[in-house]
Amino acid sequence: MGFELTELAIVFGCLLPGLHTAYTDIKKGVIYDAVTLLIFLAGLIFAVITHSCINAFIGSALGFFSFFVAAWITNGSVGGGDIKLAAGIGMWFGYVQTIEIIVIACLASILFEFIRYWRAGAFKKLFTDRLGPYAKKVLLRFGYRINNVDLAIDVKYTSIPFAPFLVFSSWFIWLLH
């Protein structure tokens, strides 16, 4: 009976609110603080009840700081909602599974972006339109030692919501373990 209650607590305290978060991140591009706070506080209560506070706090800190550092390095490309969601998921899953969740989410998002760019024909355009002239500029700059060549590449930036990758990797890890 205890195993079933633990599983129900994870589903209703973390995974289902996470689905709501993933949906709102996809549709509106926003992660609501109320939902991430609910996930975090429910995880904290769960950790106290199951006597796994140290594991939960390390997992939460790992989720928080890994995304905080990513946001800091990328000048805000990672949103604050992703940081708080990772902290809440870490509170539920502990540090070992949080590492697995983050790695799977990152790999899945890279694969998703690769497929999206490939289907749009962006790689062909990148190599012909972007890197072709860039290679000529590099040759002029370094091969012929012409110093006034601008090496900047004009790349259009598009962002994708990351919460769905975090949430679905959480579901995957939960089902796997």
C-alpha atoms as a PDB file:
ATOM      1  CA  MET A   1       0.000   0.000   0.000  1.00  0.00           C
ATOM      2  CA  GLY A   2       2.864   2.413   0.753  1.00  0.00           C
ATOM      3  CA  PHE A   3       4.322   1.921  -2.722  1.00  0.00           C
ATOM      4  CA  GLU A   4       1.029   2.895  -4.342  1.00  0.00           C
ATOM      5  CA  LEU A   5       0.670   6.020  -2.204  1.00  0.00           C
ATOM      6  CA  THR A   6       4.202   7.077  -3.081  1.00  0.00           C
ATOM      7  CA  GLU A   7       3.502   6.653  -6.776  1.00  0.00           C
ATOM      8  CA  LEU A   8       0.220   8.568  -6.495  1.00  0.00           C
ATOM      9  CA  ALA A   9       1.976  11.372  -4.630  1.00  0.00           C
ATOM     10  CA  ILE A  10       4.580  11.714  -7.382  1.00  0.00           C
ATOM     11  CA  VAL A  11       1.936  11.676 -10.118  1.00  0.00           C
ATOM     12  CA  PHE A  12      -0.394  14.212  -8.504  1.00  0.00           C
ATOM     13  CA  GLY A  13       2.268  16.348  -6.819  1.00  0.00           C
ATOM     14  CA  CYS A  14       4.808  16.603  -9.625  1.00  0.00           C
ATOM     15  CA  LEU A  15       4.024  14.913 -12.916  1.00  0.00           C
ATOM     16  CA  LEU A  16       0.477  16.150 -13.590  1.00  0.00           C
ATOM     17  CA  PRO A  17       1.243  19.760 -12.597  1.00  0.00           C
ATOM     18  CA  GLY A  18       4.319  19.369 -14.780  1.00  0.00           C
ATOM     19  CA  LEU A  19       2.105  18.493 -17.749  1.00  0.00           C
ATOM     20  CA  HIS A  20       0.172  21.716 -17.150  1.00  0.00           C
ATOM     21  CA  THR A  21       3.461  23.597 -17.048  1.00  0.00           C
ATOM     22  CA  ALA A  22       4.619  21.995 -20.300  1.00  0.00           C
ATOM     23  CA  TYR A  23       1.319  22.888 -21.980  1.00  0.00           C
ATOM     24  CA  THR A  24       1.420  26.534 -20.903  1.00  0.00           C
ATOM     25  CA  ASP A  25       5.067  26.805 -21.913  1.00  0.00           C
ATOM     26  CA  ILE A  26       4.247  25.498 -25.390  1.00  0.00           C
ATOM     27  CA  LYS A  27       1.092  27.573 -25.888  1.00  0.00           C
ATOM     28  CA  LYS A  28       1.942  30.827 -24.097  1.00  0.00           C
ATOM     29  CA  GLY A  29       5.691  30.689 -23.551  1.00  0.00           C
ATOM     30  CA  VAL A  30       5.267  31.148 -19.817  1.00  0.00           C
ATOM     31  CA  ILE A  31       5.698  28.951 -16.744  1.00  0.00           C
ATOM     32  CA  TYR A  32       3.498  30.077 -13.882  1.00  0.00           C
ATOM     33  CA  ASP A  33       5.140  30.553 -10.495  1.00  0.00           C
ATOM     34  CA  ALA A  34       2.099  29.136  -8.695  1.00  0.00           C
ATOM     35  CA  VAL A  35       2.514  25.767 -10.405  1.00  0.00           C
ATOM     36  CA  THR A  36       6.271  25.554  -9.868  1.00  0.00           C
ATOM     37  CA  LEU A  37       5.807  26.579  -6.238  1.00  0.00           C
ATOM     38  CA  LEU A  38       3.154  23.861  -5.854  1.00  0.00           C
ATOM     39  CA  ILE A  39       5.538  21.274  -7.299  1.00  0.00           C
ATOM     40  CA  PHE A  40       8.360  22.444  -5.035  1.00  0.00           C
ATOM     41  CA  LEU A  41       6.310  22.603  -1.813  1.00  0.00           C
ATOM     42  CA  ALA A  42       4.590  19.279  -2.466  1.00  0.00           C
ATOM     43  CA  GLY A  43       8.034  17.765  -3.061  1.00  0.00           C
ATOM     44  CA  LEU A  44       9.281  19.278   0.186  1.00  0.00           C
ATOM     45  CA  ILE A  45       6.349  17.802   2.124  1.00  0.00           C
ATOM     46  CA  PHE A  46       6.910  14.467   0.377  1.00  0.00           C
ATOM     47  CA  ALA A  47      10.612  14.541   1.320  1.00  0.00           C
ATOM     48  CA  VAL A  48       9.810  15.266   4.975  1.00  0.00           C
ATOM     49  CA  ILE A  49       7.231  12.465   5.140  1.00  0.00           C
ATOM     50  CA  THR A  50       9.497   9.916   3.436  1.00  0.00           C
ATOM     51  CA  HIS A  51      12.607  11.001   5.396  1.00  0.00           C
ATOM     52  CA  SER A  52      14.587  11.788   2.247  1.00  0.00           C
ATOM     53  CA  CYS A  53      15.250  15.481   2.866  1.00  0.00           C
ATOM     54  CA  ILE A  54      18.979  15.469   2.115  1.00  0.00           C
ATOM     55  CA  ASN A  55      18.525  13.685  -1.207  1.00  0.00           C
ATOM     56  CA  ALA A  56      15.647  16.026  -2.092  1.00  0.00           C
ATOM     57  CA  PHE A  57      17.535  19.202  -1.189  1.00  0.00           C
ATOM     58  CA  ILE A  58      20.609  18.124  -3.149  1.00  0.00           C
ATOM     59  CA  GLY A  59      18.412  17.261  -6.140  1.00  0.00           C
ATOM     60  CA  SER A  60      16.617  20.580  -5.910  1.00  0.00           C
ATOM     61  CA  ALA A  61      19.856  22.527  -5.594  1.00  0.00           C
ATOM     62  CA  LEU A  62      21.334  20.602  -8.510  1.00  0.00           C
ATOM     63  CA  GLY A  63      18.315  21.361 -10.697  1.00  0.00           C
ATOM     64  CA  PHE A  64      18.261  25.002  -9.659  1.00  0.00           C
ATOM     65  CA  PHE A  65      21.963  25.760 -10.011  1.00  0.00           C
ATOM     66  CA  SER A  66      22.482  23.856 -13.256  1.00  0.00           C
ATOM     67  CA  PHE A  67      19.764  25.911 -14.947  1.00  0.00           C
ATOM     68  CA  PHE A  68      20.781  29.109 -13.166  1.00  0.00           C
ATOM     69  CA  VAL A  69      24.314  28.745 -14.501  1.00  0.00           C
ATOM     70  CA  ALA A  70      22.931  27.981 -17.970  1.00  0.00           C
ATOM     71  CA  ALA A  71      20.792  31.134 -17.806  1.00  0.00           C
ATOM     72  CA  TRP A  72      23.762  33.174 -16.636  1.00  0.00           C
ATOM     73  CA  ILE A  73      26.094  31.849 -19.345  1.00  0.00           C
ATOM     74  CA  THR A  74      23.539  32.343 -22.133  1.00  0.00           C
ATOM     75  CA  ASN A  75      22.460  35.805 -20.937  1.00  0.00           C
ATOM     76  CA  GLY A  76      18.902  34.778 -20.126  1.00  0.00           C
ATOM     77  CA  SER A  77      18.142  32.275 -22.886  1.00  0.00           C
ATOM     78  CA  VAL A  78      17.022  29.885 -20.165  1.00  0.00           C
ATOM     79  CA  GLY A  79      14.030  31.376 -18.399  1.00  0.00           C
ATOM     80  CA  GLY A  80      13.390  31.686 -14.693  1.00  0.00           C
ATOM     81  CA  GLY A  81      10.444  29.323 -14.943  1.00  0.00           C
ATOM     82  CA  ASP A  82      12.724  26.572 -16.226  1.00  0.00           C
ATOM     83  CA  ILE A  83      15.045  27.177 -13.280  1.00  0.00           C
ATOM     84  CA  LYS A  84      12.212  26.907 -10.740  1.00  0.00           C
ATOM     85  CA  LEU A  85      10.681  23.898 -12.492  1.00  0.00           C
ATOM     86  CA  ALA A  86      14.028  22.076 -12.422  1.00  0.00           C
ATOM     87  CA  ALA A  87      14.329  22.850  -8.703  1.00  0.00           C
ATOM     88  CA  GLY A  88      10.842  21.473  -8.061  1.00  0.00           C
ATOM     89  CA  ILE A  89      11.478  18.329 -10.086  1.00  0.00           C
ATOM     90  CA  GLY A  90      14.778  17.876  -8.264  1.00  0.00           C
ATOM     91  CA  MET A  91      12.933  18.088  -4.940  1.00  0.00           C
ATOM     92  CA  TRP A  92      10.772  15.149  -5.988  1.00  0.00           C
ATOM     93  CA  PHE A  93      13.332  12.940  -7.677  1.00  0.00           C
ATOM     94  CA  GLY A  94      16.556  13.468  -5.726  1.00  0.00           C
ATOM     95  CA  TYR A  95      19.978  14.148  -7.115  1.00  0.00           C
ATOM     96  CA  VAL A  96      20.677  10.939  -9.067  1.00  0.00           C
ATOM     97  CA  GLN A  97      17.437  10.980 -11.014  1.00  0.00           C
ATOM     98  CA  THR A  98      17.639  14.769 -11.432  1.00  0.00           C
ATOM     99  CA  ILE A  99      20.933  14.323 -13.262  1.00  0.00           C
ATOM    100  CA  GLU A 100      19.301  11.703 -15.490  1.00  0.00           C
ATOM    101  CA  ILE A 101      16.302  13.962 -16.136  1.00  0.00           C
ATOM    102  CA  ILE A 102      18.470  16.949 -17.074  1.00  0.00           C
ATOM    103  CA  VAL A 103      20.678  14.892 -19.398  1.00  0.00           C
ATOM    104  CA  ILE A 104      17.697  13.287 -21.146  1.00  0.00           C
ATOM    105  CA  ALA A 105      15.900  16.637 -21.459  1.00  0.00           C
ATOM    106  CA  CYS A 106      18.970  18.301 -22.967  1.00  0.00           C
ATOM    107  CA  LEU A 107      19.607  15.460 -25.409  1.00  0.00           C
ATOM    108  CA  ALA A 108      15.935  15.373 -26.426  1.00  0.00           C
ATOM    109  CA  SER A 109      15.869  19.122 -27.042  1.00  0.00           C
ATOM    110  CA  ILE A 110      19.049  18.931 -29.131  1.00  0.00           C
ATOM    111  CA  LEU A 111      17.557  16.093 -31.182  1.00  0.00           C
ATOM    112  CA  PHE A 112      14.300  18.027 -31.572  1.00  0.00           C
ATOM    113  CA  GLU A 113      16.127  21.136 -32.796  1.00  0.00           C
ATOM    114  CA  PHE A 114      18.292  19.120 -35.155  1.00  0.00           C
ATOM    115  CA  ILE A 115      15.231  17.475 -36.714  1.00  0.00           C
ATOM    116  CA  ARG A 116      13.381  20.794 -36.888  1.00  0.00           C
ATOM    117  CA  TYR A 117      16.259  22.522 -38.660  1.00  0.00           C
ATOM    118  CA  TRP A 118      16.834  19.549 -40.962  1.00  0.00           C
ATOM    119  CA  ARG A 119      13.162  19.411 -42.011  1.00  0.00           C
ATOM    120  CA  ALA A 120      13.150  23.138 -42.688  1.00  0.00           C
ATOM    121  CA  GLY A 121      16.221  22.826 -44.901  1.00  0.00           C
ATOM    122  CA  ALA A 122      18.130  25.153 -42.635  1.00  0.00           C
ATOM    123  CA  PHE A 123      21.351  23.148 -42.734  1.00  0.00           C
ATOM    124  CA  LYS A 124      21.641  23.492 -46.492  1.00  0.00           C
ATOM    125  CA  LYS A 125      20.905  27.186 -46.206  1.00  0.00           C
ATOM    126  CA  LEU A 126      23.367  27.489 -43.331  1.00  0.00           C
ATOM    127  CA  PHE A 127      26.201  25.982 -45.332  1.00  0.00           C
ATOM    128  CA  THR A 128      25.466  27.841 -48.565  1.00  0.00           C
ATOM    129  CA  ASP A 129      24.271  31.225 -47.315  1.00  0.00           C
ATOM    130  CA  ARG A 130      26.046  31.563 -43.989  1.00  0.00           C
ATOM    131  CA  LEU A 131      29.218  29.505 -43.984  1.00  0.00           C
ATOM    132  CA  GLY A 132      30.112  29.988 -47.648  1.00  0.00           C
ATOM    133  CA  PRO A 133      30.593  33.758 -47.327  1.00  0.00           C
ATOM    134  CA  TYR A 134      32.024  33.226 -43.841  1.00  0.00           C
ATOM    135  CA  ALA A 135      34.682  30.869 -45.217  1.00  0.00           C
ATOM    136  CA  LYS A 136      35.591  33.509 -47.796  1.00  0.00           C
ATOM    137  CA  LYS A 137      35.904  36.108 -45.025  1.00  0.00           C
ATOM    138  CA  VAL A 138      38.138  33.809 -42.970  1.00  0.00           C
ATOM    139  CA  LEU A 139      40.322  33.190 -46.011  1.00  0.00           C
ATOM    140  CA  LEU A 140      40.592  36.930 -46.677  1.00  0.00           C
ATOM    141  CA  ARG A 141      41.310  37.703 -43.033  1.00  0.00           C
ATOM    142  CA  PHE A 142      43.818  35.008 -42.211  1.00  0.00           C
ATOM    143  CA  GLY A 143      44.981  33.687 -45.592  1.00  0.00           C
ATOM    144  CA  TYR A 144      45.633  37.045 -47.202  1.00  0.00           C
ATOM    145  CA  ARG A 145      46.065  38.978 -43.942  1.00  0.00           C
ATOM    146  CA  ILE A 146      43.430  41.591 -44.706  1.00  0.00           C
ATOM    147  CA  ASN A 147      42.553  43.029 -41.278  1.00  0.00           C
ATOM    148  CA  ASN A 148      39.354  44.977 -41.955  1.00  0.00           C
ATOM    149  CA  VAL A 149      37.186  41.912 -42.717  1.00  0.00           C
ATOM    150  CA  ASP A 150      34.157  41.552 -40.423  1.00  0.00           C
ATOM    151  CA  LEU A 151      33.829  37.947 -39.214  1.00  0.00           C
ATOM    152  CA  ALA A 152      30.382  38.305 -37.648  1.00  0.00           C
ATOM    153  CA  ILE A 153      27.725  35.817 -38.738  1.00  0.00           C
ATOM    154  CA  ASP A 154      24.098  36.936 -38.874  1.00  0.00           C
ATOM    155  CA  VAL A 155      22.183  34.012 -37.393  1.00  0.00           C
ATOM    156  CA  LYS A 156      18.473  34.254 -36.674  1.00  0.00           C
ATOM    157  CA  TYR A 157      17.719  33.191 -33.095  1.00  0.00           C
ATOM    158  CA  THR A 158      14.600  31.209 -32.303  1.00  0.00           C
ATOM    159  CA  SER A 159      13.840  29.787 -28.900  1.00  0.00           C
ATOM    160  CA  ILE A 160      11.919  26.678 -27.974  1.00  0.00           C
ATOM    161  CA  PRO A 161      10.113  25.964 -24.720  1.00  0.00           C
ATOM    162  CA  PHE A 162      12.233  23.713 -22.520  1.00  0.00           C
ATOM    163  CA  ALA A 163       9.624  22.755 -19.893  1.00  0.00           C
ATOM    164  CA  PRO A 164       8.115  19.995 -22.076  1.00  0.00           C
ATOM    165  CA  PHE A 165      11.509  18.326 -22.327  1.00  0.00           C
ATOM    166  CA  LEU A 166      11.984  18.508 -18.550  1.00  0.00           C
ATOM    167  CA  VAL A 167       8.497  17.191 -17.837  1.00  0.00           C
ATOM    168  CA  PHE A 168       8.535  14.365 -20.357  1.00  0.00           C
ATOM    169  CA  SER A 169      11.998  13.261 -19.267  1.00  0.00           C
ATOM    170  CA  SER A 170      10.650  13.251 -15.682  1.00  0.00           C
ATOM    171  CA  TRP A 171       7.815  10.985 -16.797  1.00  0.00           C
ATOM    172  CA  PHE A 172      10.314   8.772 -18.616  1.00  0.00           C
ATOM    173  CA  ILE A 173      12.598   8.439 -15.580  1.00  0.00           C
ATOM    174  CA  TRP A 174       9.618   7.817 -13.293  1.00  0.00           C
ATOM    175  CA  LEU A 175       8.317   5.058 -15.571  1.00  0.00           C
ATOM    176  CA  LEU A 176      11.813   3.620 -15.978  1.00  0.00           C
ATOM    177  CA  HIS A 177      12.464   3.351 -12.239  1.00  0.00           C
END
